[in-house]
Amino acid sequence: MGVFMTFGSIISWMIISVAIGVALVPLLLVAGTLAVCVPSLGYPLTYTVWFAIDITFRSPSAEDFAQAQAWLDNRAST
């Protein structure tokens, strides 16, 4: 999902810049900024979506909760 957001925004900017006639350097500066900022801003959304998909297909069992509790207890004691 993050890849689509990043490349979608860059490709949209490239199409708009060709239609308007913007020089190459501003195009590359904006594209580089988008390539860094869009994934950083979209990470919480993509993480949540993929976690929801994982939970949907692989429901947690009682054993999973027991392992998580054991890990928490171990972490709290150290």
PDB file of N, CA and C in Angstrom:
ATOM      1  N   MET A   1       0.820  -1.178   0.000  1.00  0.00           N
ATOM      2  CA  MET A   1       0.000   0.000   0.000  1.00  0.00           C
ATOM      3  C   MET A   1       0.876   1.259   0.000  1.00  0.00           C
ATOM      4  N   GLY A   2       1.949   1.229   0.787  1.00  0.00           N
ATOM      5  CA  GLY A   2       2.863   2.365   0.810  1.00  0.00           C
ATOM      6  C   GLY A   2       3.528   2.595  -0.535  1.00  0.00           C
ATOM      7  N   VAL A   3       3.811   1.498  -1.244  1.00  0.00           N
ATOM      8  CA  VAL A   3       4.430   1.614  -2.567  1.00  0.00           C
ATOM      9  C   VAL A   3       3.478   2.322  -3.524  1.00  0.00           C
ATOM     10  N   PHE A   4       2.202   1.955  -3.469  1.00  0.00           N
ATOM     11  CA  PHE A   4       1.224   2.587  -4.345  1.00  0.00           C
ATOM     12  C   PHE A   4       1.073   4.070  -4.020  1.00  0.00           C
ATOM     13  N   MET A   5       1.094   4.405  -2.739  1.00  0.00           N
ATOM     14  CA  MET A   5       0.983   5.809  -2.346  1.00  0.00           C
ATOM     15  C   MET A   5       2.195   6.600  -2.831  1.00  0.00           C
ATOM     16  N   THR A   6       3.383   6.021  -2.682  1.00  0.00           N
ATOM     17  CA  THR A   6       4.599   6.723  -3.083  1.00  0.00           C
ATOM     18  C   THR A   6       4.672   6.899  -4.590  1.00  0.00           C
ATOM     19  N   PHE A   7       4.589   5.778  -5.311  1.00  0.00           N
ATOM     20  CA  PHE A   7       4.735   5.864  -6.762  1.00  0.00           C
ATOM     21  C   PHE A   7       3.539   6.559  -7.409  1.00  0.00           C
ATOM     22  N   GLY A   8       2.364   6.407  -6.806  1.00  0.00           N
ATOM     23  CA  GLY A   8       1.196   7.104  -7.340  1.00  0.00           C
ATOM     24  C   GLY A   8       1.356   8.609  -7.270  1.00  0.00           C
ATOM     25  N   SER A   9       1.862   9.092  -6.140  1.00  0.00           N
ATOM     26  CA  SER A   9       2.053  10.535  -6.005  1.00  0.00           C
ATOM     27  C   SER A   9       3.168  11.037  -6.923  1.00  0.00           C
ATOM     28  N   ILE A  10       4.227  10.265  -7.064  1.00  0.00           N
ATOM     29  CA  ILE A  10       5.328  10.679  -7.942  1.00  0.00           C
ATOM     30  C   ILE A  10       4.888  10.682  -9.397  1.00  0.00           C
ATOM     31  N   ILE A  11       4.184   9.639  -9.813  1.00  0.00           N
ATOM     32  CA  ILE A  11       3.725   9.569 -11.205  1.00  0.00           C
ATOM     33  C   ILE A  11       2.714  10.676 -11.482  1.00  0.00           C
ATOM     34  N   SER A  12       1.834  10.953 -10.527  1.00  0.00           N
ATOM     35  CA  SER A  12       0.875  12.059 -10.713  1.00  0.00           C
ATOM     36  C   SER A  12       1.616  13.379 -10.902  1.00  0.00           C
ATOM     37  N   TRP A  13       2.613  13.616 -10.071  1.00  0.00           N
ATOM     38  CA  TRP A  13       3.397  14.855 -10.201  1.00  0.00           C
ATOM     39  C   TRP A  13       4.104  14.910 -11.545  1.00  0.00           C
ATOM     40  N   MET A  14       4.642  13.792 -12.008  1.00  0.00           N
ATOM     41  CA  MET A  14       5.340  13.779 -13.298  1.00  0.00           C
ATOM     42  C   MET A  14       4.373  14.093 -14.443  1.00  0.00           C
ATOM     43  N   ILE A  15       3.180  13.530 -14.412  1.00  0.00           N
ATOM     44  CA  ILE A  15       2.203  13.788 -15.465  1.00  0.00           C
ATOM     45  C   ILE A  15       1.789  15.257 -15.455  1.00  0.00           C
ATOM     46  N   ILE A  16       1.535  15.788 -14.264  1.00  0.00           N
ATOM     47  CA  ILE A  16       1.151  17.197 -14.166  1.00  0.00           C
ATOM     48  C   ILE A  16       2.281  18.101 -14.633  1.00  0.00           C
ATOM     49  N   SER A  17       3.526  17.770 -14.268  1.00  0.00           N
ATOM     50  CA  SER A  17       4.645  18.627 -14.649  1.00  0.00           C
ATOM     51  C   SER A  17       4.885  18.611 -16.162  1.00  0.00           C
ATOM     52  N   VAL A  18       4.671  17.457 -16.793  1.00  0.00           N
ATOM     53  CA  VAL A  18       4.828  17.396 -18.253  1.00  0.00           C
ATOM     54  C   VAL A  18       3.725  18.206 -18.923  1.00  0.00           C
ATOM     55  N   ALA A  19       2.516  18.114 -18.392  1.00  0.00           N
ATOM     56  CA  ALA A  19       1.406  18.862 -18.975  1.00  0.00           C
ATOM     57  C   ALA A  19       1.595  20.362 -18.807  1.00  0.00           C
ATOM     58  N   ILE A  20       2.137  20.788 -17.663  1.00  0.00           N
ATOM     59  CA  ILE A  20       2.324  22.216 -17.394  1.00  0.00           C
ATOM     60  C   ILE A  20       3.648  22.718 -17.972  1.00  0.00           C
ATOM     61  N   GLY A  21       4.662  21.862 -17.988  1.00  0.00           N
ATOM     62  CA  GLY A  21       5.964  22.248 -18.520  1.00  0.00           C
ATOM     63  C   GLY A  21       6.936  22.718 -17.456  1.00  0.00           C
ATOM     64  N   VAL A  22       7.036  21.997 -16.357  1.00  0.00           N
ATOM     65  CA  VAL A  22       7.955  22.345 -15.277  1.00  0.00           C
ATOM     66  C   VAL A  22       9.340  21.777 -15.599  1.00  0.00           C
ATOM     67  N   ALA A  23      10.398  22.478 -15.163  1.00  0.00           N
ATOM     68  CA  ALA A  23      11.771  22.027 -15.397  1.00  0.00           C
ATOM     69  C   ALA A  23      12.063  20.749 -14.610  1.00  0.00           C
ATOM     70  N   LEU A  24      13.152  20.068 -14.964  1.00  0.00           N
ATOM     71  CA  LEU A  24      13.490  18.776 -14.386  1.00  0.00           C
ATOM     72  C   LEU A  24      13.917  18.876 -12.922  1.00  0.00           C
ATOM     73  N   VAL A  25      14.696  19.885 -12.558  1.00  0.00           N
ATOM     74  CA  VAL A  25      15.228  19.987 -11.189  1.00  0.00           C
ATOM     75  C   VAL A  25      14.107  20.128 -10.151  1.00  0.00           C
ATOM     76  N   PRO A  26      13.141  21.025 -10.322  1.00  0.00           N
ATOM     77  CA  PRO A  26      12.049  21.072  -9.337  1.00  0.00           C
ATOM     78  C   PRO A  26      11.267  19.763  -9.281  1.00  0.00           C
ATOM     79  N   LEU A  27      11.099  19.126 -10.422  1.00  0.00           N
ATOM     80  CA  LEU A  27      10.413  17.841 -10.465  1.00  0.00           C
ATOM     81  C   LEU A  27      11.142  16.810  -9.612  1.00  0.00           C
ATOM     82  N   LEU A  28      12.453  16.728  -9.747  1.00  0.00           N
ATOM     83  CA  LEU A  28      13.233  15.767  -8.980  1.00  0.00           C
ATOM     84  C   LEU A  28      13.251  16.109  -7.490  1.00  0.00           C
ATOM     85  N   LEU A  29      13.294  17.386  -7.148  1.00  0.00           N
ATOM     86  CA  LEU A  29      13.272  17.781  -5.745  1.00  0.00           C
ATOM     87  C   LEU A  29      11.938  17.407  -5.084  1.00  0.00           C
ATOM     88  N   VAL A  30      10.862  17.677  -5.767  1.00  0.00           N
ATOM     89  CA  VAL A  30       9.542  17.333  -5.213  1.00  0.00           C
ATOM     90  C   VAL A  30       9.380  15.824  -5.166  1.00  0.00           C
ATOM     91  N   ALA A  31       9.807  15.128  -6.214  1.00  0.00           N
ATOM     92  CA  ALA A  31       9.695  13.667  -6.236  1.00  0.00           C
ATOM     93  C   ALA A  31      10.523  13.038  -5.121  1.00  0.00           C
ATOM     94  N   GLY A  32      11.721  13.553  -4.884  1.00  0.00           N
ATOM     95  CA  GLY A  32      12.550  13.034  -3.798  1.00  0.00           C
ATOM     96  C   GLY A  32      11.934  13.292  -2.433  1.00  0.00           C
ATOM     97  N   THR A  33      11.375  14.477  -2.255  1.00  0.00           N
ATOM     98  CA  THR A  33      10.695  14.793  -0.994  1.00  0.00           C
ATOM     99  C   THR A  33       9.489  13.892  -0.792  1.00  0.00           C
ATOM    100  N   LEU A  34       8.713  13.674  -1.837  1.00  0.00           N
ATOM    101  CA  LEU A  34       7.562  12.781  -1.745  1.00  0.00           C
ATOM    102  C   LEU A  34       7.991  11.349  -1.451  1.00  0.00           C
ATOM    103  N   ALA A  35       9.090  10.921  -2.054  1.00  0.00           N
ATOM    104  CA  ALA A  35       9.559   9.550  -1.844  1.00  0.00           C
ATOM    105  C   ALA A  35       9.955   9.303  -0.396  1.00  0.00           C
ATOM    106  N   VAL A  36      10.358  10.345   0.319  1.00  0.00           N
ATOM    107  CA  VAL A  36      10.723  10.197   1.731  1.00  0.00           C
ATOM    108  C   VAL A  36       9.519  10.420   2.642  1.00  0.00           C
ATOM    109  N   CYS A  37       8.739  11.458   2.373  1.00  0.00           N
ATOM    110  CA  CYS A  37       7.662  11.858   3.289  1.00  0.00           C
ATOM    111  C   CYS A  37       6.416  10.980   3.201  1.00  0.00           C
ATOM    112  N   VAL A  38       6.005  10.611   2.014  1.00  0.00           N
ATOM    113  CA  VAL A  38       4.757   9.846   1.869  1.00  0.00           C
ATOM    114  C   VAL A  38       4.827   8.499   2.591  1.00  0.00           C
ATOM    115  N   PRO A  39       5.888   7.703   2.427  1.00  0.00           N
ATOM    116  CA  PRO A  39       5.926   6.446   3.188  1.00  0.00           C
ATOM    117  C   PRO A  39       6.007   6.678   4.697  1.00  0.00           C
ATOM    118  N   SER A  40       6.710   7.714   5.106  1.00  0.00           N
ATOM    119  CA  SER A  40       6.812   7.998   6.537  1.00  0.00           C
ATOM    120  C   SER A  40       5.448   8.360   7.128  1.00  0.00           C
ATOM    121  N   LEU A  41       4.685   9.123   6.401  1.00  0.00           N
ATOM    122  CA  LEU A  41       3.365   9.521   6.877  1.00  0.00           C
ATOM    123  C   LEU A  41       2.344   8.392   6.719  1.00  0.00           C
ATOM    124  N   GLY A  42       2.537   7.529   5.739  1.00  0.00           N
ATOM    125  CA  GLY A  42       1.587   6.454   5.492  1.00  0.00           C
ATOM    126  C   GLY A  42       1.866   5.176   6.247  1.00  0.00           C
ATOM    127  N   TYR A  43       2.985   5.113   6.965  1.00  0.00           N
ATOM    128  CA  TYR A  43       3.359   3.886   7.664  1.00  0.00           C
ATOM    129  C   TYR A  43       2.308   3.427   8.670  1.00  0.00           C
ATOM    130  N   PRO A  44       1.770   4.302   9.527  1.00  0.00           N
ATOM    131  CA  PRO A  44       0.772   3.809  10.499  1.00  0.00           C
ATOM    132  C   PRO A  44      -0.447   3.182   9.822  1.00  0.00           C
ATOM    133  N   LEU A  45      -0.904   3.779   8.731  1.00  0.00           N
ATOM    134  CA  LEU A  45      -2.057   3.234   8.019  1.00  0.00           C
ATOM    135  C   LEU A  45      -1.738   1.877   7.416  1.00  0.00           C
ATOM    136  N   THR A  46      -0.602   1.768   6.732  1.00  0.00           N
ATOM    137  CA  THR A  46      -0.265   0.499   6.088  1.00  0.00           C
ATOM    138  C   THR A  46       0.010  -0.594   7.114  1.00  0.00           C
ATOM    139  N   TYR A  47       0.633  -0.250   8.225  1.00  0.00           N
ATOM    140  CA  TYR A  47       0.881  -1.233   9.280  1.00  0.00           C
ATOM    141  C   TYR A  47      -0.433  -1.753   9.835  1.00  0.00           C
ATOM    142  N   THR A  48      -1.377  -0.854  10.069  1.00  0.00           N
ATOM    143  CA  THR A  48      -2.678  -1.247  10.604  1.00  0.00           C
ATOM    144  C   THR A  48      -3.435  -2.135   9.632  1.00  0.00           C
ATOM    145  N   VAL A  49      -3.409  -1.790   8.361  1.00  0.00           N
ATOM    146  CA  VAL A  49      -4.124  -2.589   7.354  1.00  0.00           C
ATOM    147  C   VAL A  49      -3.531  -3.988   7.259  1.00  0.00           C
ATOM    148  N   TRP A  50      -2.201  -4.099   7.172  1.00  0.00           N
ATOM    149  CA  TRP A  50      -1.584  -5.419   7.053  1.00  0.00           C
ATOM    150  C   TRP A  50      -1.751  -6.237   8.327  1.00  0.00           C
ATOM    151  N   PHE A  51      -1.756  -5.590   9.486  1.00  0.00           N
ATOM    152  CA  PHE A  51      -1.990  -6.301  10.741  1.00  0.00           C
ATOM    153  C   PHE A  51      -3.420  -6.841  10.777  1.00  0.00           C
ATOM    154  N   ALA A  52      -4.379  -6.047  10.311  1.00  0.00           N
ATOM    155  CA  ALA A  52      -5.773  -6.499  10.265  1.00  0.00           C
ATOM    156  C   ALA A  52      -5.937  -7.675   9.313  1.00  0.00           C
ATOM    157  N   ILE A  53      -5.259  -7.638   8.182  1.00  0.00           N
ATOM    158  CA  ILE A  53      -5.314  -8.757   7.231  1.00  0.00           C
ATOM    159  C   ILE A  53      -4.709 -10.000   7.859  1.00  0.00           C
ATOM    160  N   ASP A  54      -3.588  -9.841   8.555  1.00  0.00           N
ATOM    161  CA  ASP A  54      -2.937 -10.982   9.209  1.00  0.00           C
ATOM    162  C   ASP A  54      -3.846 -11.592  10.272  1.00  0.00           C
ATOM    163  N   ILE A  55      -4.466 -10.760  11.084  1.00  0.00           N
ATOM    164  CA  ILE A  55      -5.362 -11.260  12.129  1.00  0.00           C
ATOM    165  C   ILE A  55      -6.592 -11.930  11.514  1.00  0.00           C
ATOM    166  N   THR A  56      -7.060 -11.417  10.381  1.00  0.00           N
ATOM    167  CA  THR A  56      -8.219 -12.008   9.724  1.00  0.00           C
ATOM    168  C   THR A  56      -7.912 -13.416   9.226  1.00  0.00           C
ATOM    169  N   PHE A  57      -6.770 -13.591   8.600  1.00  0.00           N
ATOM    170  CA  PHE A  57      -6.430 -14.889   8.031  1.00  0.00           C
ATOM    171  C   PHE A  57      -5.844 -15.865   9.044  1.00  0.00           C
ATOM    172  N   ARG A  58      -5.200 -15.336  10.083  1.00  0.00           N
ATOM    173  CA  ARG A  58      -4.542 -16.187  11.069  1.00  0.00           C
ATOM    174  C   ARG A  58      -4.977 -15.746  12.455  1.00  0.00           C
ATOM    175  N   SER A  59      -6.158 -16.177  12.838  1.00  0.00           N
ATOM    176  CA  SER A  59      -6.724 -15.766  14.126  1.00  0.00           C
ATOM    177  C   SER A  59      -5.856 -16.263  15.273  1.00  0.00           C
ATOM    178  N   PRO A  60      -5.679 -15.444  16.311  1.00  0.00           N
ATOM    179  CA  PRO A  60      -4.871 -15.872  17.451  1.00  0.00           C
ATOM    180  C   PRO A  60      -5.580 -16.958  18.260  1.00  0.00           C
ATOM    181  N   SER A  61      -4.797 -17.895  18.733  1.00  0.00           N
ATOM    182  CA  SER A  61      -5.339 -18.979  19.550  1.00  0.00           C
ATOM    183  C   SER A  61      -5.012 -18.716  21.021  1.00  0.00           C
ATOM    184  N   ALA A  62      -5.533 -19.569  21.885  1.00  0.00           N
ATOM    185  CA  ALA A  62      -5.237 -19.439  23.316  1.00  0.00           C
ATOM    186  C   ALA A  62      -3.743 -19.614  23.571  1.00  0.00           C
ATOM    187  N   GLU A  63      -3.098 -20.448  22.787  1.00  0.00           N
ATOM    188  CA  GLU A  63      -1.651 -20.659  22.915  1.00  0.00           C
ATOM    189  C   GLU A  63      -0.875 -19.379  22.596  1.00  0.00           C
ATOM    190  N   ASP A  64      -1.336 -18.643  21.593  1.00  0.00           N
ATOM    191  CA  ASP A  64      -0.687 -17.376  21.254  1.00  0.00           C
ATOM    192  C   ASP A  64      -0.772 -16.383  22.416  1.00  0.00           C
ATOM    193  N   PHE A  65      -1.944 -16.317  23.053  1.00  0.00           N
ATOM    194  CA  PHE A  65      -2.100 -15.418  24.194  1.00  0.00           C
ATOM    195  C   PHE A  65      -1.238 -15.869  25.369  1.00  0.00           C
ATOM    196  N   ALA A  66      -1.113 -17.172  25.559  1.00  0.00           N
ATOM    197  CA  ALA A  66      -0.269 -17.687  26.642  1.00  0.00           C
ATOM    198  C   ALA A  66       1.196 -17.339  26.390  1.00  0.00           C
ATOM    199  N   GLN A  67       1.647 -17.465  25.150  1.00  0.00           N
ATOM    200  CA  GLN A  67       3.025 -17.107  24.807  1.00  0.00           C
ATOM    201  C   GLN A  67       3.261 -15.613  25.016  1.00  0.00           C
ATOM    202  N   ALA A  68       2.286 -14.793  24.629  1.00  0.00           N
ATOM    203  CA  ALA A  68       2.426 -13.350  24.812  1.00  0.00           C
ATOM    204  C   ALA A  68       2.494 -12.991  26.293  1.00  0.00           C
ATOM    205  N   GLN A  69       1.670 -13.629  27.093  1.00  0.00           N
ATOM    206  CA  GLN A  69       1.683 -13.362  28.531  1.00  0.00           C
ATOM    207  C   GLN A  69       2.998 -13.800  29.161  1.00  0.00           C
ATOM    208  N   ALA A  70       3.523 -14.958  28.716  1.00  0.00           N
ATOM    209  CA  ALA A  70       4.810 -15.426  29.229  1.00  0.00           C
ATOM    210  C   ALA A  70       5.929 -14.451  28.853  1.00  0.00           C
ATOM    211  N   TRP A  71       5.889 -13.931  27.651  1.00  0.00           N
ATOM    212  CA  TRP A  71       6.896 -12.963  27.214  1.00  0.00           C
ATOM    213  C   TRP A  71       6.798 -11.694  28.061  1.00  0.00           C
ATOM    214  N   LEU A  72       5.566 -11.218  28.295  1.00  0.00           N
ATOM    215  CA  LEU A  72       5.395 -10.018  29.121  1.00  0.00           C
ATOM    216  C   LEU A  72       5.876 -10.240  30.549  1.00  0.00           C
ATOM    217  N   ASP A  73       5.561 -11.416  31.106  1.00  0.00           N
ATOM    218  CA  ASP A  73       6.013 -11.716  32.464  1.00  0.00           C
ATOM    219  C   ASP A  73       7.527 -11.778  32.540  1.00  0.00           C
ATOM    220  N   ASN A  74       8.149 -12.391  31.540  1.00  0.00           N
ATOM    221  CA  ASN A  74       9.607 -12.486  31.483  1.00  0.00           C
ATOM    222  C   ASN A  74      10.238 -11.101  31.365  1.00  0.00           C
ATOM    223  N   ARG A  75       9.635 -10.260  30.555  1.00  0.00           N
ATOM    224  CA  ARG A  75      10.164  -8.899  30.342  1.00  0.00           C
ATOM    225  C   ARG A  75       9.997  -8.064  31.612  1.00  0.00           C
ATOM    226  N   ALA A  76       8.897  -8.242  32.325  1.00  0.00           N
ATOM    227  CA  ALA A  76       8.659  -7.464  33.538  1.00  0.00           C
ATOM    228  C   ALA A  76       9.620  -7.849  34.663  1.00  0.00           C
ATOM    229  N   SER A  77      10.044  -9.113  34.676  1.00  0.00           N
ATOM    230  CA  SER A  77      10.933  -9.566  35.749  1.00  0.00           C
ATOM    231  C   SER A  77      12.384  -9.159  35.527  1.00  0.00           C
ATOM    232  N   THR A  78      12.755  -8.779  34.334  1.00  0.00           N
ATOM    233  CA  THR A  78      14.158  -8.387  34.066  1.00  0.00           C
ATOM    234  C   THR A  78      14.348  -6.907  34.079  1.00  0.00           C
TER     235      THR A  78
END
